[in-house]
Amino acid sequence: MARTLRQHDARTGLLLLTPTLVIVLAVVLVPLAWSVLIAFQRVRLIDVGRTGLFDKLTLDNFVRVFASDALWNSLRTTVLYTAGSTFLAIALGLVAALALRRPFPGRAFVRAAMLIPYVAPVVAVTFVWRVLLNPEFGLVNSWGRRLFGWDDPIAFLSQARGEITLFGLDVPVPTALLTVIAFEGWRYFPFAFLFLLARLSALPGDQEEAATVDGATPTQRFRHIVLPQLMPVIAVLVVLRTIWTFNEFDDVFLLTGGAAGTEVVSVRVYELLTVQRNVGAAAAQSVLLAVVLVVLLGAYLWLLRRREGAGS
């Protein structure tokens, strides 16, 4: 009787899961499998409807992608963009979490305001940044010329290379790339802020109080007591932000369109598909991007398993 009830419950559960499984199969798995097949076919955009599933399978798309300098340039740009924006977002989130850790009047309002960059529509915030950074009428250039004595306005979003003078030396600077990194760090630091603030709120206060009694400075308390307890959360944030930023498209495309040295891998895929109309090459580069993301996802799952093992 008990076995019959268990079998009935199992069939009921499978029946309840069936609609979700069908939707995932139709929306995720089937398009994914089709994209992988297209990556092994020489398909132009105009030929997509007339191409069979297994017509003329070839490795030409992967050979073309690997032999292209554009792939390696976009991959290098993506790595720099991902590393810079991930570091900046977590650093800003950590500073904000530490600043808002202690109670003060209006703290709830300030904490809520910290989420504005993250919850605001990306189209709206990119438009605001484009207006502020405009070299002709932007507020940033206007203040720069008044307060810092800039001789010429800076085209933050269309200048691939600029120069700054340090100790009498002209140092080349990737202006547009640094700008999109700054935007990405500003837009996504609230995500890190929420994680780190939650962990800070759960820290026991007796260790810091004892360190204060022993004469430890705020820097020493942070370095030896607070930071070690934040490192597991920071590690998870690094992996998550790396995965999401490596796959980022809309922020870069809306700010620069991938021009001026900001063509990341996802923008390169879009260009292959819409400009060159080469569906096969775009699918091949998408498969390579997916492989990288699977590796990063594996690192994230390994971190989670390690944390669960440490907790038990």
C-alpha atoms as a PDB file:
ATOM      1  CA  MET A   1       0.000   0.000   0.000  1.00  0.00           C
ATOM      2  CA  ALA A   2       2.792   2.416   0.909  1.00  0.00           C
ATOM      3  CA  ARG A   3       4.602   1.556  -2.313  1.00  0.00           C
ATOM      4  CA  THR A   4       1.464   2.256  -4.309  1.00  0.00           C
ATOM      5  CA  LEU A   5       1.079   5.635  -2.636  1.00  0.00           C
ATOM      6  CA  ARG A   6       4.709   6.495  -3.382  1.00  0.00           C
ATOM      7  CA  GLN A   7       4.239   5.524  -7.019  1.00  0.00           C
ATOM      8  CA  HIS A   8       1.095   7.630  -7.183  1.00  0.00           C
ATOM      9  CA  ASP A   9       2.899  10.619  -5.664  1.00  0.00           C
ATOM     10  CA  ALA A  10       5.783  10.169  -8.116  1.00  0.00           C
ATOM     11  CA  ARG A  11       3.420  10.086 -11.093  1.00  0.00           C
ATOM     12  CA  THR A  12       1.575  13.135  -9.770  1.00  0.00           C
ATOM     13  CA  GLY A  13       4.834  15.041  -9.328  1.00  0.00           C
ATOM     14  CA  LEU A  14       5.987  14.104 -12.829  1.00  0.00           C
ATOM     15  CA  LEU A  15       2.629  15.202 -14.222  1.00  0.00           C
ATOM     16  CA  LEU A  16       2.914  18.569 -12.473  1.00  0.00           C
ATOM     17  CA  LEU A  17       6.461  19.046 -13.788  1.00  0.00           C
ATOM     18  CA  THR A  18       5.604  18.116 -17.361  1.00  0.00           C
ATOM     19  CA  PRO A  19       4.429  21.619 -18.483  1.00  0.00           C
ATOM     20  CA  THR A  20       7.638  23.188 -17.149  1.00  0.00           C
ATOM     21  CA  LEU A  21       9.780  20.506 -18.806  1.00  0.00           C
ATOM     22  CA  VAL A  22       8.001  21.026 -22.129  1.00  0.00           C
ATOM     23  CA  ILE A  23       8.511  24.804 -21.946  1.00  0.00           C
ATOM     24  CA  VAL A  24      12.219  24.411 -21.100  1.00  0.00           C
ATOM     25  CA  LEU A  25      12.621  21.908 -23.938  1.00  0.00           C
ATOM     26  CA  ALA A  26      10.894  24.176 -26.458  1.00  0.00           C
ATOM     27  CA  VAL A  27      12.390  27.496 -25.369  1.00  0.00           C
ATOM     28  CA  VAL A  28      15.915  26.509 -24.260  1.00  0.00           C
ATOM     29  CA  LEU A  29      17.105  23.079 -25.335  1.00  0.00           C
ATOM     30  CA  VAL A  30      15.752  22.969 -28.901  1.00  0.00           C
ATOM     31  CA  PRO A  31      17.120  26.427 -29.895  1.00  0.00           C
ATOM     32  CA  LEU A  32      20.420  25.544 -28.212  1.00  0.00           C
ATOM     33  CA  ALA A  33      20.747  22.310 -30.150  1.00  0.00           C
ATOM     34  CA  TRP A  34      19.814  24.106 -33.368  1.00  0.00           C
ATOM     35  CA  SER A  35      22.475  26.755 -32.744  1.00  0.00           C
ATOM     36  CA  VAL A  36      25.102  24.057 -32.258  1.00  0.00           C
ATOM     37  CA  LEU A  37      24.084  22.421 -35.559  1.00  0.00           C
ATOM     38  CA  ILE A  38      24.184  25.746 -37.400  1.00  0.00           C
ATOM     39  CA  ALA A  39      27.714  26.300 -36.085  1.00  0.00           C
ATOM     40  CA  PHE A  40      28.793  23.330 -38.227  1.00  0.00           C
ATOM     41  CA  GLN A  41      27.074  24.591 -41.378  1.00  0.00           C
ATOM     42  CA  ARG A  42      27.915  27.338 -43.855  1.00  0.00           C
ATOM     43  CA  VAL A  43      24.671  29.291 -43.552  1.00  0.00           C
ATOM     44  CA  ARG A  44      23.935  32.865 -44.527  1.00  0.00           C
ATOM     45  CA  LEU A  45      21.021  34.737 -43.002  1.00  0.00           C
ATOM     46  CA  ILE A  46      19.024  34.526 -46.220  1.00  0.00           C
ATOM     47  CA  ASP A  47      19.434  30.727 -46.341  1.00  0.00           C
ATOM     48  CA  VAL A  48      18.289  29.877 -42.808  1.00  0.00           C
ATOM     49  CA  GLY A  49      14.772  28.840 -43.818  1.00  0.00           C
ATOM     50  CA  ARG A  50      16.006  26.580 -46.628  1.00  0.00           C
ATOM     51  CA  THR A  51      18.771  24.805 -44.718  1.00  0.00           C
ATOM     52  CA  GLY A  52      18.202  21.313 -43.355  1.00  0.00           C
ATOM     53  CA  LEU A  53      19.312  20.204 -39.931  1.00  0.00           C
ATOM     54  CA  PHE A  54      22.243  18.116 -41.176  1.00  0.00           C
ATOM     55  CA  ASP A  55      23.094  19.785 -44.496  1.00  0.00           C
ATOM     56  CA  LYS A  56      26.818  20.006 -45.341  1.00  0.00           C
ATOM     57  CA  LEU A  57      28.305  19.712 -41.874  1.00  0.00           C
ATOM     58  CA  THR A  58      31.751  21.315 -41.781  1.00  0.00           C
ATOM     59  CA  LEU A  59      34.317  22.865 -39.445  1.00  0.00           C
ATOM     60  CA  ASP A  60      34.869  25.890 -41.702  1.00  0.00           C
ATOM     61  CA  ASN A  61      33.064  28.248 -39.324  1.00  0.00           C
ATOM     62  CA  PHE A  62      35.308  27.336 -36.405  1.00  0.00           C
ATOM     63  CA  VAL A  63      38.413  27.578 -38.608  1.00  0.00           C
ATOM     64  CA  ARG A  64      37.336  31.039 -39.735  1.00  0.00           C
ATOM     65  CA  VAL A  65      36.544  32.174 -36.208  1.00  0.00           C
ATOM     66  CA  PHE A  66      39.821  30.912 -34.755  1.00  0.00           C
ATOM     67  CA  ALA A  67      41.845  32.340 -37.631  1.00  0.00           C
ATOM     68  CA  SER A  68      40.267  35.777 -37.288  1.00  0.00           C
ATOM     69  CA  ASP A  69      42.177  38.439 -35.396  1.00  0.00           C
ATOM     70  CA  ALA A  70      38.815  39.984 -34.504  1.00  0.00           C
ATOM     71  CA  LEU A  71      38.008  37.008 -32.253  1.00  0.00           C
ATOM     72  CA  TRP A  72      41.190  37.323 -30.216  1.00  0.00           C
ATOM     73  CA  ASN A  73      40.889  41.112 -30.032  1.00  0.00           C
ATOM     74  CA  SER A  74      37.300  40.858 -28.833  1.00  0.00           C
ATOM     75  CA  LEU A  75      38.251  38.097 -26.390  1.00  0.00           C
ATOM     76  CA  ARG A  76      41.073  40.212 -24.970  1.00  0.00           C
ATOM     77  CA  THR A  77      38.718  43.175 -24.679  1.00  0.00           C
ATOM     78  CA  THR A  78      36.117  40.966 -22.981  1.00  0.00           C
ATOM     79  CA  VAL A  79      38.632  39.699 -20.419  1.00  0.00           C
ATOM     80  CA  LEU A  80      39.774  43.237 -19.579  1.00  0.00           C
ATOM     81  CA  TYR A  81      36.187  44.474 -19.456  1.00  0.00           C
ATOM     82  CA  THR A  82      35.081  41.567 -17.257  1.00  0.00           C
ATOM     83  CA  ALA A  83      38.011  41.772 -14.849  1.00  0.00           C
ATOM     84  CA  GLY A  84      37.864  45.555 -14.500  1.00  0.00           C
ATOM     85  CA  SER A  85      34.109  45.846 -14.041  1.00  0.00           C
ATOM     86  CA  THR A  86      33.915  42.854 -11.676  1.00  0.00           C
ATOM     87  CA  PHE A  87      36.646  44.287  -9.458  1.00  0.00           C
ATOM     88  CA  LEU A  88      35.083  47.760  -9.516  1.00  0.00           C
ATOM     89  CA  ALA A  89      31.558  46.538  -8.762  1.00  0.00           C
ATOM     90  CA  ILE A  90      32.685  44.435  -5.796  1.00  0.00           C
ATOM     91  CA  ALA A  91      35.004  47.161  -4.473  1.00  0.00           C
ATOM     92  CA  LEU A  92      32.249  49.794  -4.636  1.00  0.00           C
ATOM     93  CA  GLY A  93      29.775  47.366  -3.066  1.00  0.00           C
ATOM     94  CA  LEU A  94      32.196  46.630  -0.231  1.00  0.00           C
ATOM     95  CA  VAL A  95      32.832  50.317   0.451  1.00  0.00           C
ATOM     96  CA  ALA A  96      29.100  51.069   0.406  1.00  0.00           C
ATOM     97  CA  ALA A  97      28.300  48.128   2.691  1.00  0.00           C
ATOM     98  CA  LEU A  98      30.943  49.175   5.208  1.00  0.00           C
ATOM     99  CA  ALA A  99      29.788  52.803   5.095  1.00  0.00           C
ATOM    100  CA  LEU A 100      26.146  51.863   5.741  1.00  0.00           C
ATOM    101  CA  ARG A 101      26.834  49.161   8.291  1.00  0.00           C
ATOM    102  CA  ARG A 102      26.299  51.254  11.419  1.00  0.00           C
ATOM    103  CA  PRO A 103      22.932  52.888  12.249  1.00  0.00           C
ATOM    104  CA  PHE A 104      22.443  56.606  11.517  1.00  0.00           C
ATOM    105  CA  PRO A 105      19.405  58.791  10.764  1.00  0.00           C
ATOM    106  CA  GLY A 106      18.092  58.117   7.265  1.00  0.00           C
ATOM    107  CA  ARG A 107      20.075  54.904   6.773  1.00  0.00           C
ATOM    108  CA  ALA A 108      17.072  53.016   5.372  1.00  0.00           C
ATOM    109  CA  PHE A 109      16.528  55.683   2.719  1.00  0.00           C
ATOM    110  CA  VAL A 110      20.207  55.712   1.745  1.00  0.00           C
ATOM    111  CA  ARG A 111      20.263  51.925   1.486  1.00  0.00           C
ATOM    112  CA  ALA A 112      17.216  51.989  -0.768  1.00  0.00           C
ATOM    113  CA  ALA A 113      18.773  54.724  -2.930  1.00  0.00           C
ATOM    114  CA  MET A 114      21.850  52.524  -3.438  1.00  0.00           C
ATOM    115  CA  LEU A 115      19.706  50.154  -5.494  1.00  0.00           C
ATOM    116  CA  ILE A 116      18.707  52.747  -8.097  1.00  0.00           C
ATOM    117  CA  PRO A 117      21.500  51.970 -10.627  1.00  0.00           C
ATOM    118  CA  TYR A 118      20.649  48.263 -10.479  1.00  0.00           C
ATOM    119  CA  VAL A 119      16.865  48.526 -10.806  1.00  0.00           C
ATOM    120  CA  ALA A 120      16.708  51.422 -13.288  1.00  0.00           C
ATOM    121  CA  PRO A 121      16.063  50.474 -16.949  1.00  0.00           C
ATOM    122  CA  VAL A 122      19.313  50.022 -18.830  1.00  0.00           C
ATOM    123  CA  VAL A 123      18.086  52.165 -21.730  1.00  0.00           C
ATOM    124  CA  ALA A 124      17.417  55.066 -19.378  1.00  0.00           C
ATOM    125  CA  VAL A 125      20.731  54.936 -17.528  1.00  0.00           C
ATOM    126  CA  THR A 126      22.797  54.544 -20.711  1.00  0.00           C
ATOM    127  CA  PHE A 127      21.000  57.544 -22.207  1.00  0.00           C
ATOM    128  CA  VAL A 128      21.812  59.608 -19.114  1.00  0.00           C
ATOM    129  CA  TRP A 129      25.477  58.591 -19.293  1.00  0.00           C
ATOM    130  CA  ARG A 130      25.658  59.409 -23.009  1.00  0.00           C
ATOM    131  CA  VAL A 131      24.258  62.878 -22.342  1.00  0.00           C
ATOM    132  CA  LEU A 132      26.561  63.524 -19.377  1.00  0.00           C
ATOM    133  CA  LEU A 133      29.657  62.382 -21.292  1.00  0.00           C
ATOM    134  CA  ASN A 134      28.836  64.141 -24.552  1.00  0.00           C
ATOM    135  CA  PRO A 135      31.946  66.071 -25.688  1.00  0.00           C
ATOM    136  CA  GLU A 136      29.903  69.045 -26.965  1.00  0.00           C
ATOM    137  CA  PHE A 137      27.306  69.726 -24.267  1.00  0.00           C
ATOM    138  CA  GLY A 138      27.930  67.087 -21.605  1.00  0.00           C
ATOM    139  CA  LEU A 139      28.107  68.131 -17.976  1.00  0.00           C
ATOM    140  CA  VAL A 140      31.283  66.118 -17.292  1.00  0.00           C
ATOM    141  CA  ASN A 141      33.312  67.930 -19.940  1.00  0.00           C
ATOM    142  CA  SER A 142      31.892  71.276 -18.873  1.00  0.00           C
ATOM    143  CA  TRP A 143      32.989  70.716 -15.280  1.00  0.00           C
ATOM    144  CA  GLY A 144      36.301  69.286 -16.422  1.00  0.00           C
ATOM    145  CA  ARG A 145      37.182  72.436 -18.329  1.00  0.00           C
ATOM    146  CA  ARG A 146      36.071  74.694 -15.478  1.00  0.00           C
ATOM    147  CA  LEU A 147      37.471  72.811 -12.505  1.00  0.00           C
ATOM    148  CA  PHE A 148      40.415  70.868 -13.932  1.00  0.00           C
ATOM    149  CA  GLY A 149      41.448  73.090 -16.805  1.00  0.00           C
ATOM    150  CA  TRP A 150      40.955  70.599 -19.642  1.00  0.00           C
ATOM    151  CA  ASP A 151      42.123  72.157 -22.897  1.00  0.00           C
ATOM    152  CA  ASP A 152      39.823  70.066 -25.096  1.00  0.00           C
ATOM    153  CA  PRO A 153      36.681  68.076 -24.389  1.00  0.00           C
ATOM    154  CA  ILE A 154      37.109  64.308 -24.048  1.00  0.00           C
ATOM    155  CA  ALA A 155      35.036  61.966 -26.203  1.00  0.00           C
ATOM    156  CA  PHE A 156      34.639  59.338 -23.496  1.00  0.00           C
ATOM    157  CA  LEU A 157      32.498  56.992 -25.595  1.00  0.00           C
ATOM    158  CA  SER A 158      34.080  57.397 -29.038  1.00  0.00           C
ATOM    159  CA  GLN A 159      37.783  57.824 -28.307  1.00  0.00           C
ATOM    160  CA  ALA A 160      39.664  54.539 -28.425  1.00  0.00           C
ATOM    161  CA  ARG A 161      42.956  55.928 -27.123  1.00  0.00           C
ATOM    162  CA  GLY A 162      43.768  58.984 -25.075  1.00  0.00           C
ATOM    163  CA  GLU A 163      46.825  60.172 -23.219  1.00  0.00           C
ATOM    164  CA  ILE A 164      47.386  61.383 -19.696  1.00  0.00           C
ATOM    165  CA  THR A 165      50.578  62.971 -18.438  1.00  0.00           C
ATOM    166  CA  LEU A 166      52.158  61.423 -15.341  1.00  0.00           C
ATOM    167  CA  PHE A 167      55.502  62.680 -14.075  1.00  0.00           C
ATOM    168  CA  GLY A 168      56.223  64.177 -17.481  1.00  0.00           C
ATOM    169  CA  LEU A 169      55.381  60.990 -19.387  1.00  0.00           C
ATOM    170  CA  ASP A 170      52.473  60.580 -21.804  1.00  0.00           C
ATOM    171  CA  VAL A 171      50.659  57.377 -20.838  1.00  0.00           C
ATOM    172  CA  PRO A 172      48.170  55.891 -23.363  1.00  0.00           C
ATOM    173  CA  VAL A 173      44.725  55.215 -21.910  1.00  0.00           C
ATOM    174  CA  PRO A 174      41.862  53.179 -23.468  1.00  0.00           C
ATOM    175  CA  THR A 175      39.282  55.901 -22.895  1.00  0.00           C
ATOM    176  CA  ALA A 176      36.109  54.233 -24.159  1.00  0.00           C
ATOM    177  CA  LEU A 177      36.915  50.868 -22.579  1.00  0.00           C
ATOM    178  CA  LEU A 178      37.586  52.453 -19.184  1.00  0.00           C
ATOM    179  CA  THR A 179      34.312  54.366 -19.507  1.00  0.00           C
ATOM    180  CA  VAL A 180      32.215  51.244 -20.114  1.00  0.00           C
ATOM    181  CA  ILE A 181      34.066  49.518 -17.256  1.00  0.00           C
ATOM    182  CA  ALA A 182      33.165  52.435 -14.982  1.00  0.00           C
ATOM    183  CA  PHE A 183      29.539  52.229 -16.128  1.00  0.00           C
ATOM    184  CA  GLU A 184      29.386  48.484 -15.510  1.00  0.00           C
ATOM    185  CA  GLY A 185      30.921  48.849 -12.044  1.00  0.00           C
ATOM    186  CA  TRP A 186      28.510  51.648 -11.147  1.00  0.00           C
ATOM    187  CA  ARG A 187      25.463  49.835 -12.491  1.00  0.00           C
ATOM    188  CA  TYR A 188      26.065  46.518 -10.742  1.00  0.00           C
ATOM    189  CA  PHE A 189      27.723  47.471  -7.458  1.00  0.00           C
ATOM    190  CA  PRO A 190      24.303  47.355  -5.670  1.00  0.00           C
ATOM    191  CA  PHE A 191      24.233  43.592  -6.297  1.00  0.00           C
ATOM    192  CA  ALA A 192      27.515  43.158  -4.424  1.00  0.00           C
ATOM    193  CA  PHE A 193      26.338  45.704  -1.856  1.00  0.00           C
ATOM    194  CA  LEU A 194      23.301  43.584  -0.935  1.00  0.00           C
ATOM    195  CA  PHE A 195      25.323  40.385  -0.547  1.00  0.00           C
ATOM    196  CA  LEU A 196      28.075  41.983   1.502  1.00  0.00           C
ATOM    197  CA  LEU A 197      25.700  43.999   3.675  1.00  0.00           C
ATOM    198  CA  ALA A 198      23.751  40.838   4.525  1.00  0.00           C
ATOM    199  CA  ARG A 199      26.971  39.090   5.549  1.00  0.00           C
ATOM    200  CA  LEU A 200      28.133  42.098   7.567  1.00  0.00           C
ATOM    201  CA  SER A 201      24.820  42.184   9.404  1.00  0.00           C
ATOM    202  CA  ALA A 202      25.331  38.562  10.453  1.00  0.00           C
ATOM    203  CA  LEU A 203      28.858  39.049  11.812  1.00  0.00           C
ATOM    204  CA  PRO A 204      29.146  38.700  15.612  1.00  0.00           C
ATOM    205  CA  GLY A 205      30.234  41.931  17.238  1.00  0.00           C
ATOM    206  CA  ASP A 206      32.147  40.456  20.171  1.00  0.00           C
ATOM    207  CA  GLN A 207      35.320  39.810  18.140  1.00  0.00           C
ATOM    208  CA  GLU A 208      35.549  43.403  16.941  1.00  0.00           C
ATOM    209  CA  GLU A 209      34.778  44.708  20.416  1.00  0.00           C
ATOM    210  CA  ALA A 210      37.541  42.565  21.896  1.00  0.00           C
ATOM    211  CA  ALA A 211      39.969  43.764  19.208  1.00  0.00           C
ATOM    212  CA  THR A 212      39.030  47.368  19.966  1.00  0.00           C
ATOM    213  CA  VAL A 213      39.715  46.827  23.663  1.00  0.00           C
ATOM    214  CA  ASP A 214      43.098  45.353  22.736  1.00  0.00           C
ATOM    215  CA  GLY A 215      43.958  48.532  20.831  1.00  0.00           C
ATOM    216  CA  ALA A 216      43.418  47.364  17.230  1.00  0.00           C
ATOM    217  CA  THR A 217      42.928  50.133  14.684  1.00  0.00           C
ATOM    218  CA  PRO A 218      39.925  50.140  12.310  1.00  0.00           C
ATOM    219  CA  THR A 219      42.213  49.006   9.473  1.00  0.00           C
ATOM    220  CA  GLN A 220      43.516  46.103  11.542  1.00  0.00           C
ATOM    221  CA  ARG A 221      39.994  45.070  12.573  1.00  0.00           C
ATOM    222  CA  PHE A 222      38.866  45.088   8.968  1.00  0.00           C
ATOM    223  CA  ARG A 223      41.906  43.189   7.680  1.00  0.00           C
ATOM    224  CA  HIS A 224      42.085  40.489  10.333  1.00  0.00           C
ATOM    225  CA  ILE A 225      38.464  40.066  11.480  1.00  0.00           C
ATOM    226  CA  VAL A 226      35.937  41.394   8.957  1.00  0.00           C
ATOM    227  CA  LEU A 227      37.596  40.630   5.604  1.00  0.00           C
ATOM    228  CA  PRO A 228      38.325  36.921   6.281  1.00  0.00           C
ATOM    229  CA  GLN A 229      34.645  36.387   7.063  1.00  0.00           C
ATOM    230  CA  LEU A 230      33.616  38.207   3.879  1.00  0.00           C
ATOM    231  CA  MET A 231      35.934  36.249   1.585  1.00  0.00           C
ATOM    232  CA  PRO A 232      33.507  33.340   0.880  1.00  0.00           C
ATOM    233  CA  VAL A 233      30.837  35.841  -0.205  1.00  0.00           C
ATOM    234  CA  ILE A 234      33.357  37.809  -2.257  1.00  0.00           C
ATOM    235  CA  ALA A 235      34.470  34.604  -3.988  1.00  0.00           C
ATOM    236  CA  VAL A 236      30.893  33.783  -5.002  1.00  0.00           C
ATOM    237  CA  LEU A 237      30.370  37.376  -6.177  1.00  0.00           C
ATOM    238  CA  VAL A 238      33.522  37.219  -8.305  1.00  0.00           C
ATOM    239  CA  VAL A 239      32.334  34.061 -10.072  1.00  0.00           C
ATOM    240  CA  LEU A 240      28.762  35.300 -10.575  1.00  0.00           C
ATOM    241  CA  ARG A 241      29.787  38.734 -11.813  1.00  0.00           C
ATOM    242  CA  THR A 242      32.406  37.176 -14.108  1.00  0.00           C
ATOM    243  CA  ILE A 243      29.800  34.887 -15.685  1.00  0.00           C
ATOM    244  CA  TRP A 244      27.260  37.665 -16.189  1.00  0.00           C
ATOM    245  CA  THR A 245      29.734  40.295 -17.356  1.00  0.00           C
ATOM    246  CA  PHE A 246      31.468  37.942 -19.782  1.00  0.00           C
ATOM    247  CA  ASN A 247      28.079  37.450 -21.442  1.00  0.00           C
ATOM    248  CA  GLU A 248      27.133  41.158 -21.298  1.00  0.00           C
ATOM    249  CA  PHE A 249      25.789  42.781 -24.454  1.00  0.00           C
ATOM    250  CA  ASP A 250      23.244  45.534 -23.892  1.00  0.00           C
ATOM    251  CA  ASP A 251      25.365  47.872 -21.751  1.00  0.00           C
ATOM    252  CA  VAL A 252      28.277  48.002 -24.199  1.00  0.00           C
ATOM    253  CA  PHE A 253      26.071  48.117 -27.272  1.00  0.00           C
ATOM    254  CA  LEU A 254      23.899  50.942 -25.967  1.00  0.00           C
ATOM    255  CA  LEU A 255      26.897  53.020 -24.857  1.00  0.00           C
ATOM    256  CA  THR A 256      29.352  52.610 -27.726  1.00  0.00           C
ATOM    257  CA  GLY A 257      27.914  50.090 -30.171  1.00  0.00           C
ATOM    258  CA  GLY A 258      31.124  48.117 -29.762  1.00  0.00           C
ATOM    259  CA  ALA A 259      33.216  50.880 -31.356  1.00  0.00           C
ATOM    260  CA  ALA A 260      36.377  52.583 -30.074  1.00  0.00           C
ATOM    261  CA  GLY A 261      37.980  49.429 -28.729  1.00  0.00           C
ATOM    262  CA  THR A 262      34.953  48.137 -26.799  1.00  0.00           C
ATOM    263  CA  GLU A 263      33.918  45.245 -29.048  1.00  0.00           C
ATOM    264  CA  VAL A 264      33.369  42.405 -26.607  1.00  0.00           C
ATOM    265  CA  VAL A 265      32.613  38.844 -27.717  1.00  0.00           C
ATOM    266  CA  SER A 266      28.830  39.197 -27.533  1.00  0.00           C
ATOM    267  CA  VAL A 267      28.914  42.339 -29.676  1.00  0.00           C
ATOM    268  CA  ARG A 268      31.162  40.483 -32.140  1.00  0.00           C
ATOM    269  CA  VAL A 269      28.533  37.741 -32.428  1.00  0.00           C
ATOM    270  CA  TYR A 270      25.863  40.365 -33.092  1.00  0.00           C
ATOM    271  CA  GLU A 271      28.005  41.949 -35.801  1.00  0.00           C
ATOM    272  CA  LEU A 272      28.591  38.602 -37.519  1.00  0.00           C
ATOM    273  CA  LEU A 273      24.856  37.943 -37.509  1.00  0.00           C
ATOM    274  CA  THR A 274      23.397  41.326 -38.461  1.00  0.00           C
ATOM    275  CA  VAL A 275      26.171  43.073 -40.398  1.00  0.00           C
ATOM    276  CA  GLN A 276      27.950  40.227 -42.165  1.00  0.00           C
ATOM    277  CA  ARG A 277      24.801  38.066 -42.286  1.00  0.00           C
ATOM    278  CA  ASN A 278      26.940  35.014 -41.478  1.00  0.00           C
ATOM    279  CA  VAL A 279      24.739  32.871 -39.261  1.00  0.00           C
ATOM    280  CA  GLY A 280      27.165  29.945 -39.179  1.00  0.00           C
ATOM    281  CA  ALA A 281      30.135  32.009 -37.991  1.00  0.00           C
ATOM    282  CA  ALA A 282      27.969  33.785 -35.404  1.00  0.00           C
ATOM    283  CA  ALA A 283      26.732  30.439 -34.091  1.00  0.00           C
ATOM    284  CA  ALA A 284      30.299  29.074 -33.959  1.00  0.00           C
ATOM    285  CA  GLN A 285      31.487  32.016 -31.879  1.00  0.00           C
ATOM    286  CA  SER A 286      28.402  31.651 -29.676  1.00  0.00           C
ATOM    287  CA  VAL A 287      29.321  28.023 -29.030  1.00  0.00           C
ATOM    288  CA  LEU A 288      32.823  29.079 -27.985  1.00  0.00           C
ATOM    289  CA  LEU A 289      31.321  31.684 -25.661  1.00  0.00           C
ATOM    290  CA  ALA A 290      28.999  29.041 -24.216  1.00  0.00           C
ATOM    291  CA  VAL A 291      31.965  26.740 -23.515  1.00  0.00           C
ATOM    292  CA  VAL A 292      33.694  29.503 -21.555  1.00  0.00           C
ATOM    293  CA  LEU A 293      30.513  30.175 -19.590  1.00  0.00           C
ATOM    294  CA  VAL A 294      30.103  26.461 -18.791  1.00  0.00           C
ATOM    295  CA  VAL A 295      33.644  26.434 -17.368  1.00  0.00           C
ATOM    296  CA  LEU A 296      32.842  29.473 -15.232  1.00  0.00           C
ATOM    297  CA  LEU A 297      29.577  27.874 -14.109  1.00  0.00           C
ATOM    298  CA  GLY A 298      31.511  24.781 -13.102  1.00  0.00           C
ATOM    299  CA  ALA A 299      33.792  26.981 -10.994  1.00  0.00           C
ATOM    300  CA  TYR A 300      30.734  28.521  -9.334  1.00  0.00           C
ATOM    301  CA  LEU A 301      29.231  25.107  -8.523  1.00  0.00           C
ATOM    302  CA  TRP A 302      32.593  23.973  -7.135  1.00  0.00           C
ATOM    303  CA  LEU A 303      32.663  27.007  -4.858  1.00  0.00           C
ATOM    304  CA  LEU A 304      29.139  26.277  -3.632  1.00  0.00           C
ATOM    305  CA  ARG A 305      30.017  22.641  -2.921  1.00  0.00           C
ATOM    306  CA  ARG A 306      33.136  23.739  -1.082  1.00  0.00           C
ATOM    307  CA  ARG A 307      31.152  26.189   1.051  1.00  0.00           C
ATOM    308  CA  GLU A 308      28.573  23.489   1.884  1.00  0.00           C
ATOM    309  CA  GLY A 309      31.379  21.126   2.861  1.00  0.00           C
ATOM    310  CA  ALA A 310      32.967  23.774   5.074  1.00  0.00           C
ATOM    311  CA  GLY A 311      29.601  24.549   6.673  1.00  0.00           C
ATOM    312  CA  SER A 312      28.913  20.923   7.519  1.00  0.00           C
END
